[in-house]
């Protein structure tokens, strides 16, 4: 098992050594193949994902799994020529007329461990950036989405050689062996607990890692917010993929005087967006579904007020106690806690006394409050008056901070994440290098403010 993985890694590393700097033309052509693989097999991708989930909205699959990939590839192919160019670095005047440049260089082989909740896009999106940076790629998709993983393993060899991109299928043992391979970079998307294990395994090989771990992303509804607009955005973010999204709003903070009005607005939004199970999404396993329902049942058993119209829609949990499981762990399901606070300062304190989230959503048009949130909170992303859609902006970095992850990719940020930014120094023929070499002149020491 591990021997086969090492063989694939050595195959890619040898091929990379033969051509360590793929041309712009070759990189763009490889990206075009990724686009064709996704575009030409849309129906198969949709069927595989729906089979894995039992039920999943075709519209949501097209939005989040297919269009997201195609848009990212289009953005990358359009801008890659610019990203690849060496660019000037400032030179101290004392070293003139020398010049300095920064030249992006491929790392080598990038490993990708992708999750089950968006089994196509979260396997392919990091690969886009890694391929754009000139690397070879090995992908280990989640065994919890076996049909999508099998389809990816079937399609990739039709569009790429093993030296360019390859897919490794398997369960936890394969994943464990994959994480200890001496990659030049390793990307993991998943839970914080597993992310810790992956980081420890990678550390044995001094493999740099990018970890996308999620966490509890809050939504703050300020007193000036349009409650109907805020509710529409929050339910959109929570309802997408049945809440099984790492950047889904995990809980909502609102001033107590606006709590009942927000509950009514959220209830209306649920009725509008999720009136039936037509656009509903299932769970990838009975275990995940049982856990989602258990969180709601525990809150009900502890006397929490629950507003629940059925298993196809978000369930509002009003003012749960902090010792409940749904307030301790990432929900990754349809429960949506609403927590009332005295004022906006208490809401900010509530967020800041907890691990930094992958996204912080704030519903306010107050410029002073927006500035305060920028300066006093930490999160992977800060989003005003919307949820989820920042992920669709290819020029924004996507990544966490603290317990929600480390490192970011997407667009140029991903290109640079999977590149070595090599510093290059050019000495001029006109330079008088003897001036800065022994024996040192007294006037030079004065000029340098040393003596």
Protein backbone atom coordinates (compact mmCIF):
# COMPACT_ATOMS: atom_id res chain seq x y z
CA UNK A 1 0.00 0.00 0.00
CA UNK A 2 2.55 2.60 1.11
CA UNK A 3 4.98 1.17 -1.45
CA UNK A 4 2.47 1.89 -4.23
CA UNK A 5 1.99 5.44 -2.97
CA UNK A 6 5.74 6.00 -2.86
CA UNK A 7 6.03 4.65 -6.40
CA UNK A 8 3.47 7.18 -7.63
CA UNK A 9 5.23 9.96 -5.76
CA UNK A 10 8.62 8.99 -7.21
CA UNK A 11 7.09 8.81 -10.70
CA UNK A 12 5.80 12.35 -10.37
CA UNK A 13 8.97 13.64 -8.76
CA UNK A 14 11.13 12.12 -11.52
CA UNK A 15 8.94 13.64 -14.23
CA UNK A 16 9.04 16.99 -12.49
CA UNK A 17 12.83 16.79 -12.32
CA UNK A 18 12.95 16.29 -16.09
CA UNK A 19 10.86 19.44 -16.67
CA UNK A 20 10.98 21.55 -13.49
CA UNK A 21 9.50 24.71 -15.01
CA UNK A 22 6.48 23.99 -17.24
CA UNK A 23 5.81 26.71 -19.78
CA UNK A 24 2.84 29.06 -19.66
CA UNK A 25 1.41 27.26 -22.66
CA UNK A 26 1.63 23.83 -21.02
CA UNK A 27 0.12 25.05 -17.74
CA UNK A 28 -2.79 26.71 -19.53
CA UNK A 29 -3.32 23.55 -21.56
CA UNK A 30 -3.42 21.43 -18.41
CA UNK A 31 -5.96 23.83 -16.90
CA UNK A 32 -8.03 23.53 -20.06
CA UNK A 33 -8.03 19.76 -19.60
CA UNK A 34 -9.33 20.18 -16.03
CA UNK A 35 -12.11 22.37 -17.41
CA UNK A 36 -13.02 19.86 -20.13
CA UNK A 37 -13.04 17.02 -17.62
CA UNK A 38 -15.53 18.93 -15.47
CA UNK A 39 -17.64 20.40 -18.27
CA UNK A 40 -17.95 17.33 -20.50
CA UNK A 41 -18.89 15.01 -17.64
CA UNK A 42 -21.36 17.21 -15.77
CA UNK A 43 -24.16 14.65 -15.88
CA UNK A 44 -21.90 11.91 -14.49
CA UNK A 45 -20.64 14.23 -11.73
CA UNK A 46 -24.19 15.17 -10.74
CA UNK A 47 -25.31 11.54 -10.67
CA UNK A 48 -22.29 10.44 -8.62
CA UNK A 49 -22.81 13.18 -6.03
CA UNK A 50 -26.56 12.53 -5.81
CA UNK A 51 -25.86 8.83 -5.32
CA UNK A 52 -23.38 9.59 -2.51
CA UNK A 53 -25.84 11.89 -0.72
CA UNK A 54 -29.00 9.93 -1.48
CA UNK A 55 -30.58 13.24 -2.47
CA UNK A 56 -28.99 16.54 -3.42
CA UNK A 57 -30.23 19.55 -5.36
CA UNK A 58 -28.98 19.48 -8.94
CA UNK A 59 -28.99 23.29 -8.99
CA UNK A 60 -26.75 23.44 -5.94
CA UNK A 61 -24.38 20.88 -7.46
CA UNK A 62 -24.10 22.97 -10.62
CA UNK A 63 -23.51 26.14 -8.60
CA UNK A 64 -21.07 24.83 -5.99
CA UNK A 65 -19.36 21.89 -7.68
CA UNK A 66 -19.29 22.58 -11.42
CA UNK A 67 -19.62 26.32 -12.10
CA UNK A 68 -17.27 27.17 -9.24
CA UNK A 69 -14.56 25.01 -10.81
CA UNK A 70 -15.09 26.35 -14.33
CA UNK A 71 -15.07 29.98 -13.18
CA UNK A 72 -11.88 29.42 -11.17
CA UNK A 73 -10.14 27.85 -14.16
CA UNK A 74 -11.25 30.70 -16.43
CA UNK A 75 -9.89 33.29 -13.99
CA UNK A 76 -6.60 31.43 -13.57
CA UNK A 77 -5.97 30.88 -17.29
CA UNK A 78 -6.68 34.55 -17.98
CA UNK A 79 -4.24 35.86 -15.35
CA UNK A 80 -1.55 33.18 -15.27
CA UNK A 81 0.84 34.99 -17.63
CA UNK A 82 0.98 37.88 -15.20
CA UNK A 83 1.41 35.73 -12.09
CA UNK A 84 4.31 33.79 -13.62
CA UNK A 85 6.37 36.89 -14.46
CA UNK A 86 9.27 37.76 -12.15
CA UNK A 87 8.66 41.12 -10.50
CA UNK A 88 10.94 43.75 -9.08
CA UNK A 89 11.91 43.97 -5.42
CA UNK A 90 13.01 47.24 -3.84
CA UNK A 91 16.75 47.65 -3.69
CA UNK A 92 18.37 49.73 -0.88
CA UNK A 93 20.12 52.74 -2.40
CA UNK A 94 23.40 51.67 -0.77
CA UNK A 95 23.44 48.62 -3.08
CA UNK A 96 22.68 50.47 -6.31
CA UNK A 97 23.05 49.80 -9.24
CA UNK A 98 22.32 46.16 -8.36
CA UNK A 99 18.79 44.87 -9.03
CA UNK A 100 16.56 42.35 -7.26
CA UNK A 101 13.66 40.29 -8.58
CA UNK A 102 11.20 37.76 -7.16
CA UNK A 103 10.57 34.78 -9.43
CA UNK A 104 7.79 32.23 -8.69
CA UNK A 105 9.10 28.68 -9.01
CA UNK A 106 7.11 25.40 -8.87
CA UNK A 107 7.46 23.42 -5.65
CA UNK A 108 7.33 19.91 -7.13
CA UNK A 109 4.59 17.50 -6.06
CA UNK A 110 1.50 18.74 -4.22
CA UNK A 111 -0.74 16.31 -2.29
CA UNK A 112 -4.44 17.07 -1.85
CA UNK A 113 -6.71 15.40 0.72
CA UNK A 114 -10.27 16.44 -0.05
CA UNK A 115 -13.50 16.07 2.01
CA UNK A 116 -16.90 14.54 1.31
CA UNK A 117 -19.19 17.56 1.61
CA UNK A 118 -18.22 19.06 -1.76
CA UNK A 119 -16.49 16.01 -3.19
CA UNK A 120 -15.78 17.34 -6.68
CA UNK A 121 -14.96 21.02 -6.23
CA UNK A 122 -12.85 20.66 -3.07
CA UNK A 123 -10.72 18.04 -4.83
CA UNK A 124 -10.31 20.03 -8.04
CA UNK A 125 -10.07 23.63 -6.76
CA UNK A 126 -6.69 23.18 -5.00
CA UNK A 127 -5.50 21.21 -8.03
CA UNK A 128 -6.24 24.23 -10.25
CA UNK A 129 -3.87 26.40 -8.23
CA UNK A 130 -1.23 23.69 -7.91
CA UNK A 131 -1.25 22.97 -11.66
CA UNK A 132 -1.16 26.69 -12.45
CA UNK A 133 1.95 26.97 -10.28
CA UNK A 134 3.59 24.25 -12.38
CA UNK A 135 3.39 21.33 -9.96
CA UNK A 136 2.44 17.69 -10.30
CA UNK A 137 -0.58 16.69 -8.18
CA UNK A 138 -1.68 13.64 -6.21
CA UNK A 139 -5.30 13.65 -4.96
CA UNK A 140 -6.74 11.52 -2.15
CA UNK A 141 -10.54 12.04 -2.27
CA UNK A 142 -12.79 11.16 0.66
CA UNK A 143 -13.90 7.56 1.04
CA UNK A 144 -17.20 8.90 2.44
CA UNK A 145 -18.20 9.96 -1.10
CA UNK A 146 -17.23 6.72 -2.86
CA UNK A 147 -19.11 7.27 -6.12
CA UNK A 148 -17.63 10.71 -6.72
CA UNK A 149 -14.19 9.46 -5.72
CA UNK A 150 -14.48 6.55 -8.14
CA UNK A 151 -15.59 8.89 -10.93
CA UNK A 152 -12.65 11.21 -10.27
CA UNK A 153 -10.27 8.22 -10.33
CA UNK A 154 -11.84 7.08 -13.61
CA UNK A 155 -11.79 10.44 -15.39
CA UNK A 156 -8.39 11.83 -14.39
CA UNK A 157 -6.37 9.18 -16.32
CA UNK A 158 -8.42 10.04 -19.42
CA UNK A 159 -7.12 13.62 -19.31
CA UNK A 160 -3.75 13.41 -17.53
CA UNK A 161 -0.75 11.14 -17.28
CA UNK A 162 0.21 9.80 -13.85
CA UNK A 163 3.20 12.14 -13.99
CA UNK A 164 0.86 15.17 -14.16
CA UNK A 165 -2.16 14.37 -11.97
CA UNK A 166 -3.20 11.11 -10.32
CA UNK A 167 -5.92 9.99 -7.90
CA UNK A 168 -5.47 7.59 -4.99
CA UNK A 169 -8.60 5.90 -3.63
CA UNK A 170 -8.93 4.17 -0.28
CA UNK A 171 -10.08 4.36 3.32
CA UNK A 172 -8.50 5.67 6.53
CA UNK A 173 -5.37 3.53 6.22
CA UNK A 174 -4.64 4.92 2.75
CA UNK A 175 -5.35 8.44 4.01
CA UNK A 176 -2.92 7.94 6.88
CA UNK A 177 -0.21 6.62 4.55
CA UNK A 178 -0.90 9.47 2.12
CA UNK A 179 -0.44 12.11 4.83
CA UNK A 180 3.07 10.92 5.72
CA UNK A 181 4.41 11.01 2.15
CA UNK A 182 7.23 13.55 1.64
CA UNK A 183 5.26 15.95 -0.56
CA UNK A 184 6.54 19.40 -1.39
CA UNK A 185 3.21 20.70 -0.08
CA UNK A 186 0.11 19.04 1.38
CA UNK A 187 -3.43 20.44 1.36
CA UNK A 188 -6.05 19.05 3.73
CA UNK A 189 -9.69 20.09 3.97
CA UNK A 190 -11.74 18.61 6.81
CA UNK A 191 -12.30 18.65 10.55
CA UNK A 192 -9.99 20.29 13.08
CA UNK A 193 -9.38 16.98 14.85
CA UNK A 194 -8.25 15.18 11.70
CA UNK A 195 -6.37 18.29 10.57
CA UNK A 196 -4.23 18.07 13.71
CA UNK A 197 -3.34 14.46 12.87
CA UNK A 198 -2.48 15.39 9.28
CA UNK A 199 -0.27 18.28 10.43
CA UNK A 200 1.59 16.00 12.85
CA UNK A 201 2.12 13.37 10.14
CA UNK A 202 3.34 15.97 7.65
CA UNK A 203 5.70 17.46 10.24
CA UNK A 204 7.67 14.20 10.31
CA UNK A 205 8.68 14.92 6.70
CA UNK A 206 8.91 18.71 7.17
CA UNK A 207 6.12 18.96 4.61
CA UNK A 208 4.49 22.41 4.57
CA UNK A 209 0.71 22.21 4.89
CA UNK A 210 -2.38 24.19 4.04
CA UNK A 211 -5.24 23.27 6.37
CA UNK A 212 -8.85 24.27 5.69
CA UNK A 213 -10.68 23.26 8.87
CA UNK A 214 -13.96 25.16 9.20
CA UNK A 215 -15.23 25.77 12.73
CA UNK A 216 -18.17 27.72 14.09
CA UNK A 217 -18.75 30.70 11.78
CA UNK A 218 -20.97 33.32 13.44
CA UNK A 219 -23.42 35.77 11.91
CA UNK A 220 -23.88 39.09 13.73
CA UNK A 221 -27.12 40.94 13.02
CA UNK A 222 -26.66 44.57 14.07
CA UNK A 223 -29.46 46.90 15.14
CA UNK A 224 -29.37 48.81 11.83
CA UNK A 225 -29.67 45.66 9.69
CA UNK A 226 -32.58 45.05 7.34
CA UNK A 227 -33.86 41.91 9.08
CA UNK A 228 -35.58 40.43 6.04
CA UNK A 229 -32.47 40.80 3.91
CA UNK A 230 -30.29 39.41 6.67
CA UNK A 231 -32.63 36.46 7.21
CA UNK A 232 -32.72 35.67 3.49
CA UNK A 233 -28.91 35.55 3.33
CA UNK A 234 -28.52 33.54 6.53
CA UNK A 235 -31.05 30.88 5.49
CA UNK A 236 -29.43 30.69 2.05
CA UNK A 237 -26.06 30.02 3.70
CA UNK A 238 -27.46 27.56 6.23
CA UNK A 239 -29.72 25.77 3.76
CA UNK A 240 -27.10 25.17 1.09
CA UNK A 241 -26.10 21.50 1.13
CA UNK A 242 -28.22 20.99 4.29
CA UNK A 243 -25.73 23.01 6.32
CA UNK A 244 -22.86 20.69 5.36
CA UNK A 245 -20.61 23.59 4.37
CA UNK A 246 -17.48 24.67 6.23
CA UNK A 247 -18.41 28.35 5.80
CA UNK A 248 -22.11 27.95 6.64
CA UNK A 249 -23.36 30.34 9.35
CA UNK A 250 -23.12 28.19 12.48
CA UNK A 251 -24.97 30.48 14.89
CA UNK A 252 -26.53 33.96 14.92
CA UNK A 253 -25.98 36.78 17.41
CA UNK A 254 -28.64 39.47 17.72
CA UNK A 255 -29.57 42.14 20.27
CA UNK A 256 -32.31 40.80 22.54
CA UNK A 257 -34.72 43.60 21.59
CA UNK A 258 -34.60 42.39 17.96
CA UNK A 259 -34.70 38.64 18.68
CA UNK A 260 -38.39 38.03 18.06
CA UNK A 261 -38.41 40.16 14.90
CA UNK A 262 -35.42 38.21 13.56
CA UNK A 263 -37.09 34.89 14.39
CA UNK A 264 -40.10 35.95 12.34
CA UNK A 265 -37.89 37.07 9.44
CA UNK A 266 -35.93 33.80 9.50
CA UNK A 267 -39.15 31.77 9.61
CA UNK A 268 -40.43 33.63 6.55
CA UNK A 269 -37.15 33.03 4.74
CA UNK A 270 -37.32 29.30 5.51
CA UNK A 271 -40.86 29.10 4.13
CA UNK A 272 -39.80 30.95 0.99
CA UNK A 273 -36.56 29.07 0.28
CA UNK A 274 -37.37 25.60 1.65
CA UNK A 275 -41.16 25.15 1.24
CA UNK A 276 -40.73 21.47 0.29
CA UNK A 277 -38.05 18.86 -0.10
CA UNK A 278 -37.73 19.53 -3.86
CA UNK A 279 -34.34 21.23 -3.42
CA UNK A 280 -33.39 19.25 -0.33
CA UNK A 281 -30.03 17.60 0.22
CA UNK A 282 -29.47 14.38 2.11
CA UNK A 283 -26.55 13.31 4.25
CA UNK A 284 -23.58 11.38 3.05
CA UNK A 285 -24.15 8.70 5.71
CA UNK A 286 -26.78 7.69 8.32
CA UNK A 287 -24.24 8.62 11.00
CA UNK A 288 -24.11 12.26 9.89
CA UNK A 289 -27.90 12.47 9.62
CA UNK A 290 -28.39 10.99 13.09
CA UNK A 291 -25.86 13.41 14.54
CA UNK A 292 -27.63 16.38 12.95
CA UNK A 293 -30.98 15.34 14.40
CA UNK A 294 -29.43 14.46 17.77
CA UNK A 295 -28.15 18.02 18.19
CA UNK A 296 -31.69 19.36 17.75
CA UNK A 297 -33.18 16.69 20.05
CA UNK A 298 -30.64 17.48 22.79
CA UNK A 299 -31.55 21.16 22.64
CA UNK A 300 -35.26 20.30 22.84
CA UNK A 301 -34.64 17.99 25.82
CA UNK A 302 -32.89 20.87 27.61
CA UNK A 303 -35.93 23.06 27.26
CA UNK A 304 -34.81 25.14 24.28
CA UNK A 305 -37.44 26.68 22.08
CA UNK A 306 -37.25 25.02 18.65
CA UNK A 307 -38.82 26.22 15.39
CA UNK A 308 -38.63 23.32 12.95
CA UNK A 309 -40.79 22.84 9.85
CA UNK A 310 -39.20 19.53 8.87
CA UNK A 311 -36.01 17.69 8.02
CA UNK A 312 -35.49 19.49 4.73
CA UNK A 313 -35.07 22.96 6.29
CA UNK A 314 -32.94 24.79 8.88
CA UNK A 315 -34.23 24.42 12.46
CA UNK A 316 -34.03 27.50 14.69
CA UNK A 317 -32.80 26.85 18.23
CA UNK A 318 -33.50 29.86 20.45
CA UNK A 319 -30.95 30.82 23.13
CA UNK A 320 -29.36 27.40 23.73
CA UNK A 321 -27.15 26.98 26.77
CA UNK A 322 -23.43 27.01 26.05
CA UNK A 323 -22.84 23.49 27.39
CA UNK A 324 -24.94 21.90 24.64
CA UNK A 325 -23.09 19.94 21.97
CA UNK A 326 -24.35 22.23 19.20
CA UNK A 327 -22.60 25.15 20.89
CA UNK A 328 -19.38 23.22 21.51
CA UNK A 329 -18.82 21.65 18.07
CA UNK A 330 -19.21 22.70 14.44
CA UNK A 331 -22.82 21.83 13.64
CA UNK A 332 -22.44 20.80 10.00
CA UNK A 333 -26.18 20.20 9.83
CA UNK A 334 -29.47 22.06 9.85
CA UNK A 335 -29.60 23.35 13.45
CA UNK A 336 -29.25 27.15 13.62
CA UNK A 337 -28.82 28.58 17.14
CA UNK A 338 -30.00 32.15 17.77
CA UNK A 339 -28.28 33.82 20.68
CA UNK A 340 -29.54 37.10 22.14
CA UNK A 341 -27.04 39.61 23.53
CA UNK A 342 -27.43 43.01 25.22
CA UNK A 343 -25.57 45.00 22.58
CA UNK A 344 -23.12 44.76 19.71
CA UNK A 345 -20.11 44.94 22.06
CA UNK A 346 -21.31 41.77 23.78
CA UNK A 347 -21.65 40.10 20.36
CA UNK A 348 -18.06 40.99 19.49
CA UNK A 349 -16.86 39.73 22.87
CA UNK A 350 -18.78 36.48 22.35
CA UNK A 351 -16.99 35.91 19.03
CA UNK A 352 -13.56 36.93 20.30
CA UNK A 353 -13.62 34.60 23.31
CA UNK A 354 -13.98 31.59 21.01
CA UNK A 355 -11.68 30.03 18.39
CA UNK A 356 -11.23 32.16 15.28
CA UNK A 357 -13.83 31.11 12.68
CA UNK A 358 -13.35 30.44 8.98
CA UNK A 359 -15.88 33.19 8.20
CA UNK A 360 -17.50 35.98 10.18
CA UNK A 361 -20.75 37.33 8.74
CA UNK A 362 -21.95 40.77 9.83
CA UNK A 363 -25.20 42.38 8.75
CA UNK A 364 -24.79 46.13 9.06
CA UNK A 365 -24.36 49.20 6.86
CA UNK A 366 -22.81 51.20 9.70
CA UNK A 367 -19.33 52.14 8.44
CA UNK A 368 -17.98 52.69 11.94
CA UNK A 369 -19.14 49.23 13.03
CA UNK A 370 -17.69 47.67 9.89
CA UNK A 371 -14.34 49.28 10.68
CA UNK A 372 -14.58 48.12 14.30
CA UNK A 373 -15.19 44.54 13.17
CA UNK A 374 -12.24 44.72 10.77
CA UNK A 375 -9.93 45.91 13.54
CA UNK A 376 -11.14 43.95 16.57
CA UNK A 377 -12.04 40.48 15.27
CA UNK A 378 -10.12 37.71 13.54
CA UNK A 379 -11.50 35.23 11.03
CA UNK A 380 -10.54 33.63 7.75
CA UNK A 381 -12.92 36.00 5.94
CA UNK A 382 -15.08 38.94 7.01
CA UNK A 383 -18.30 39.23 4.98
CA UNK A 384 -20.83 42.04 5.20
CA UNK A 385 -24.53 41.61 4.39
CA UNK A 386 -24.18 38.21 2.70
CA UNK A 387 -23.17 34.60 3.31
CA UNK A 388 -21.14 32.09 1.27
CA UNK A 389 -20.73 34.23 -1.86
CA UNK A 390 -17.23 35.42 -0.95
CA UNK A 391 -16.11 31.89 -1.82
CA UNK A 392 -17.14 32.56 -5.43
CA UNK A 393 -14.68 35.48 -5.79
CA UNK A 394 -11.54 33.89 -7.30
CA UNK A 395 -9.34 36.88 -6.47
CA UNK A 396 -10.05 36.61 -2.72
CA UNK A 397 -7.89 34.29 -0.60
CA UNK A 398 -9.77 31.39 0.94
CA UNK A 399 -8.42 30.03 4.19
CA UNK A 400 -8.66 30.03 7.95
CA UNK A 401 -6.75 31.41 10.91
CA UNK A 402 -5.99 29.70 14.21
CA UNK A 403 -8.21 26.66 14.75
CA UNK A 404 -10.05 27.26 11.46
CA UNK A 405 -6.91 26.50 9.50
CA UNK A 406 -3.65 27.84 8.13
CA UNK A 407 -2.74 29.10 4.69
CA UNK A 408 -5.03 30.27 1.91
CA UNK A 409 -5.53 29.52 -1.76
CA UNK A 410 -7.73 30.56 -4.73
CA UNK A 411 -6.48 32.64 -7.64
CA UNK A 412 -3.15 34.36 -7.28
CA UNK A 413 -3.07 33.49 -3.58
CA UNK A 414 -3.21 29.79 -4.45
CA UNK A 415 -0.63 30.20 -7.21
CA UNK A 416 1.78 31.77 -4.73
CA UNK A 417 0.86 29.27 -2.01
CA UNK A 418 2.03 26.42 -4.24
CA UNK A 419 5.10 28.26 -5.54
CA UNK A 420 8.48 29.05 -4.09
CA UNK A 421 8.92 32.81 -4.33
CA UNK A 422 12.60 32.78 -5.18
CA UNK A 423 14.67 35.86 -4.50
CA UNK A 424 17.15 36.76 -7.28
CA UNK A 425 19.95 39.32 -7.02
CA UNK A 426 21.65 40.83 -10.09
CA UNK A 427 24.92 42.67 -9.59
CA UNK A 428 25.71 45.37 -12.13
CA UNK A 429 28.93 45.55 -14.15
CA UNK A 430 29.17 49.17 -13.03
CA UNK A 431 29.15 48.27 -9.36
CA UNK A 432 32.24 49.01 -7.32
CA UNK A 433 32.08 45.99 -5.06
CA UNK A 434 35.37 46.84 -3.37
CA UNK A 435 33.61 49.64 -1.50
CA UNK A 436 31.77 47.18 0.73
CA UNK A 437 34.62 44.73 1.25
CA UNK A 438 37.57 44.77 3.63
CA UNK A 439 39.57 46.72 4.40
CA UNK A 440 36.66 49.02 5.27
CA UNK A 441 37.11 52.77 4.72
CA UNK A 442 36.29 55.10 7.60
CA UNK A 443 34.06 57.24 5.35
CA UNK A 444 32.08 54.13 4.44
CA UNK A 445 31.45 53.30 8.09
CA UNK A 446 30.21 56.83 8.65
CA UNK A 447 28.03 56.59 5.56
CA UNK A 448 26.54 53.35 6.84
CA UNK A 449 26.09 54.97 10.28
CA UNK A 450 28.09 52.18 11.88
CA UNK A 451 30.86 54.38 13.27
